[in-house]
Structure formats: structure tokens, C-alpha cells
C-alpha atoms as a PDB file:
ATOM      1  CA  MET A   1      97.811  67.663  76.422  1.00  0.00           C
ATOM      2  CA  THR A   2     101.292  67.921  78.228  1.00  0.00           C
ATOM      3  CA  LYS A   3     102.118  69.440  81.405  1.00  0.00           C
ATOM      4  CA  ARG A   4     103.210  72.584  79.657  1.00  0.00           C
ATOM      5  CA  GLY A   5      99.776  72.965  77.576  1.00  0.00           C
ATOM      6  CA  LYS A   6      97.906  72.743  81.009  1.00  0.00           C
ATOM      7  CA  GLU A   7     100.456  75.241  82.880  1.00  0.00           C
ATOM      8  CA  ARG A   8      99.734  77.982  79.929  1.00  0.00           C
ATOM      9  CA  ARG A   9      96.123  77.031  79.632  1.00  0.00           C
ATOM     10  CA  LEU A  10      95.919  78.033  83.273  1.00  0.00           C
ATOM     11  CA  ARG A  11      97.720  80.937  83.267  1.00  0.00           C
ATOM     12  CA  GLU A  12      95.485  82.345  80.463  1.00  0.00           C
ATOM     13  CA  ARG A  13      92.587  81.547  82.888  1.00  0.00           C
ATOM     14  CA  ARG A  14      94.088  83.061  86.259  1.00  0.00           C
ATOM     15  CA  THR A  15      92.077  85.874  87.736  1.00  0.00           C
ATOM     16  CA  SER A  16      93.324  84.688  91.442  1.00  0.00           C
ATOM     17  CA  TRP A  17      96.948  85.902  92.013  1.00  0.00           C
ATOM     18  CA  ALA A  18      99.740  84.445  94.877  1.00  0.00           C
ATOM     19  CA  LEU A  19     101.210  88.225  96.560  1.00  0.00           C
ATOM     20  CA  GLN A  20     104.454  87.470  95.376  1.00  0.00           C
ATOM     21  CA  ASP A  21     103.196  86.522  91.729  1.00  0.00           C
ATOM     22  CA  ALA A  22     101.450  89.347  91.554  1.00  0.00           C
ATOM     23  CA  LYS A  23     104.320  91.794  92.629  1.00  0.00           C
ATOM     24  CA  ALA A  24     106.735  90.103  90.136  1.00  0.00           C
ATOM     25  CA  ARG A  25     104.286  90.522  87.509  1.00  0.00           C
ATOM     26  CA  LEU A  26     101.844  93.475  88.364  1.00  0.00           C
ATOM     27  CA  SER A  27     101.934  95.080  84.985  1.00  0.00           C
ATOM     28  CA  GLU A  28      99.880  91.524  83.701  1.00  0.00           C
ATOM     29  CA  VAL A  29      97.750  91.310  86.538  1.00  0.00           C
ATOM     30  CA  VAL A  30      97.100  95.253  85.451  1.00  0.00           C
ATOM     31  CA  ARG A  31      96.466  94.449  82.385  1.00  0.00           C
ATOM     32  CA  ARG A  32      93.879  91.607  82.574  1.00  0.00           C
ATOM     33  CA  ALA A  33      92.191  93.735  85.336  1.00  0.00           C
ATOM     34  CA  ARG A  34      91.214  96.283  82.148  1.00  0.00           C
ATOM     35  CA  ALA A  35      90.958  93.478  79.864  1.00  0.00           C
ATOM     36  CA  GLU A  36      89.261  90.143  81.350  1.00  0.00           C
ATOM     37  CA  GLY A  37      87.685  91.648  84.991  1.00  0.00           C
ATOM     38  CA  PRO A  38      88.801  91.674  88.473  1.00  0.00           C
ATOM     39  CA  GLN A  39      92.129  89.771  89.544  1.00  0.00           C
ATOM     40  CA  ARG A  40      92.372  88.382  92.835  1.00  0.00           C
ATOM     41  CA  VAL A  41      95.259  88.851  95.237  1.00  0.00           C
ATOM     42  CA  THR A  42      95.747  86.568  98.171  1.00  0.00           C
ATOM     43  CA  THR A  43      98.258  86.387 101.159  1.00  0.00           C
ATOM     44  CA  ARG A  44      99.074  82.851 102.476  1.00  0.00           C
ATOM     45  CA  GLY A  45      95.737  81.778 100.320  1.00  0.00           C
ATOM     46  CA  ALA A  46      93.100  83.690 101.770  1.00  0.00           C
ATOM     47  CA  ASP A  47      92.198  86.607  99.714  1.00  0.00           C
ATOM     48  CA  ALA A  48      93.296  89.699 100.315  1.00  0.00           C
ATOM     49  CA  VAL A  49      92.489  92.381  97.561  1.00  0.00           C
ATOM     50  CA  VAL A  50      91.428  92.835  94.046  1.00  0.00           C
ATOM     51  CA  VAL A  51      92.863  94.531  91.257  1.00  0.00           C
ATOM     52  CA  LEU A  52      90.196  96.612  89.395  1.00  0.00           C
ATOM     53  CA  ALA A  53      90.503  98.720  85.980  1.00  0.00           C
ATOM     54  CA  GLU A  54      89.302 102.263  86.968  1.00  0.00           C
ATOM     55  CA  GLU A  55      86.424 102.165  84.795  1.00  0.00           C
ATOM     56  CA  ASP A  56      85.012  99.241  87.359  1.00  0.00           C
ATOM     57  CA  TYR A  57      85.648 100.915  90.182  1.00  0.00           C
ATOM     58  CA  ARG A  58      83.901 103.998  89.280  1.00  0.00           C
ATOM     59  CA  ARG A  59      81.004 102.162  88.601  1.00  0.00           C
ATOM     60  CA  LEU A  60      80.842 100.550  91.421  1.00  0.00           C
ATOM     61  CA  ALA A  61      81.454 103.159  94.225  1.00  0.00           C
ATOM     62  CA  THR A  62      78.874 105.754  92.286  1.00  0.00           C
ATOM     63  CA  ARG A  63      76.377 102.720  92.320  1.00  0.00           C
ATOM     64  CA  GLY A  64      73.254 103.704  93.580  1.00  0.00           C
ATOM     65  CA  ARG A  65      74.359 107.170  95.076  1.00  0.00           C
ATOM     66  CA  LYS A  66      72.739 109.900  94.592  1.00  0.00           C
ATOM     67  CA  GLN A  67      73.996 113.105  95.640  1.00  0.00           C
ATOM     68  CA  PRO A  68      71.393 115.235  97.283  1.00  0.00           C
ATOM     69  CA  LYS A  69      70.668 118.618  97.151  1.00  0.00           C
ATOM     70  CA  LEU A  70      72.232 121.251  99.565  1.00  0.00           C
ATOM     71  CA  SER A  71      68.828 122.266 100.174  1.00  0.00           C
ATOM     72  CA  ASP A  72      68.036 119.036 101.222  1.00  0.00           C
ATOM     73  CA  VAL A  73      70.853 118.141 103.295  1.00  0.00           C
ATOM     74  CA  LEU A  74      70.049 122.109 105.038  1.00  0.00           C
ATOM     75  CA  ALA A  75      66.230 121.726 105.223  1.00  0.00           C
ATOM     76  CA  ALA A  76      67.005 118.407 107.159  1.00  0.00           C
ATOM     77  CA  CYS A  77      69.618 120.139 109.526  1.00  0.00           C
ATOM     78  CA  PRO A  78      68.400 119.596 113.540  1.00  0.00           C
ATOM     79  CA  GLY A  79      66.239 122.522 114.892  1.00  0.00           C
ATOM     80  CA  GLY A  80      63.878 123.005 112.561  1.00  0.00           C
ATOM     81  CA  GLU A  81      64.415 125.940 109.974  1.00  0.00           C
ATOM     82  CA  LEU A  82      68.037 127.503 109.534  1.00  0.00           C
ATOM     83  CA  LYS A  83      68.132 131.223 109.231  1.00  0.00           C
ATOM     84  CA  ILE A  84      71.367 132.614 108.083  1.00  0.00           C
ATOM     85  CA  VAL A  85      71.602 136.068 108.726  1.00  0.00           C
ATOM     86  CA  ARG A  86      74.413 138.325 106.867  1.00  0.00           C
ATOM     87  CA  SER A  87      75.584 141.529 108.274  1.00  0.00           C
ATOM     88  CA  ARG A  88      76.242 144.205 106.346  1.00  0.00           C
ATOM     89  CA  ASP A  89      79.905 144.031 104.773  1.00  0.00           C
ATOM     90  CA  PHE A  90      81.163 146.958 103.447  1.00  0.00           C
ATOM     91  CA  GLY A  91      84.764 145.598 102.630  1.00  0.00           C
ATOM     92  CA  ARG A  92      87.661 147.162 104.579  1.00  0.00           C
ATOM     93  CA  ILE A  93      89.928 149.959 103.146  1.00  0.00           C
ATOM     94  CA  VAL A  94      93.049 149.625 101.250  1.00  0.00           C
ATOM     95  CA  LYS A  95      96.001 152.369 101.075  1.00  0.00           C
ATOM     96  CA  PHE A  96      97.977 152.200  97.938  1.00  0.00           C
ATOM     97  CA  ASP A  97     101.120 153.426  98.898  1.00  0.00           C
END
């Protein structure tokens, strides 16, 4: 295999990008993140960030998180029962001139 062929093959499987390469080829990084999975971007040889497809991000961001019901949050308030008293409000008088 030629040197050019090896470089091309490595580029096809690439999942890690140096920051300057990622900046120069951002559209390719995004395309690969959507098609092939997360793409790592390195700064000075160390992992800095990961570019994810939106679907992957949403899946990870909501994994294991269940929104608590408001009634459960209020029931867990310190100080026992939460009593809310509303005064009688008859609104305000608006004059139309």
C-alpha cells in the first residue's frame, strides 16, 4: 500500500482531530459526528472537547433523569406542610376615558 493510501485510510477512520484541523474542516467533523459517532478535538495532544450529534447529546443529557412532579417537590420542602393562603382579590378598577 502506498503512503497516500495509508493516509487516506487513516483519515477515513479518524475520530480524533487536532484543534487546527478541526477548525479548518469543521463541516467534516460535524458530518462525521452525525454519521459515525463522537469526534474528539485535542489541544496540545490532550483531549479538549467532543463533538456530538444532537440526538446523542439529548440521549446522554436526559439519561436517568426523571423530572420530579411539582407536588413531590413541594411535599419535600423543609418545615413540614406548605400552606398557601390566598387573599381575596377583586382585581382593580380600570377607567376607560
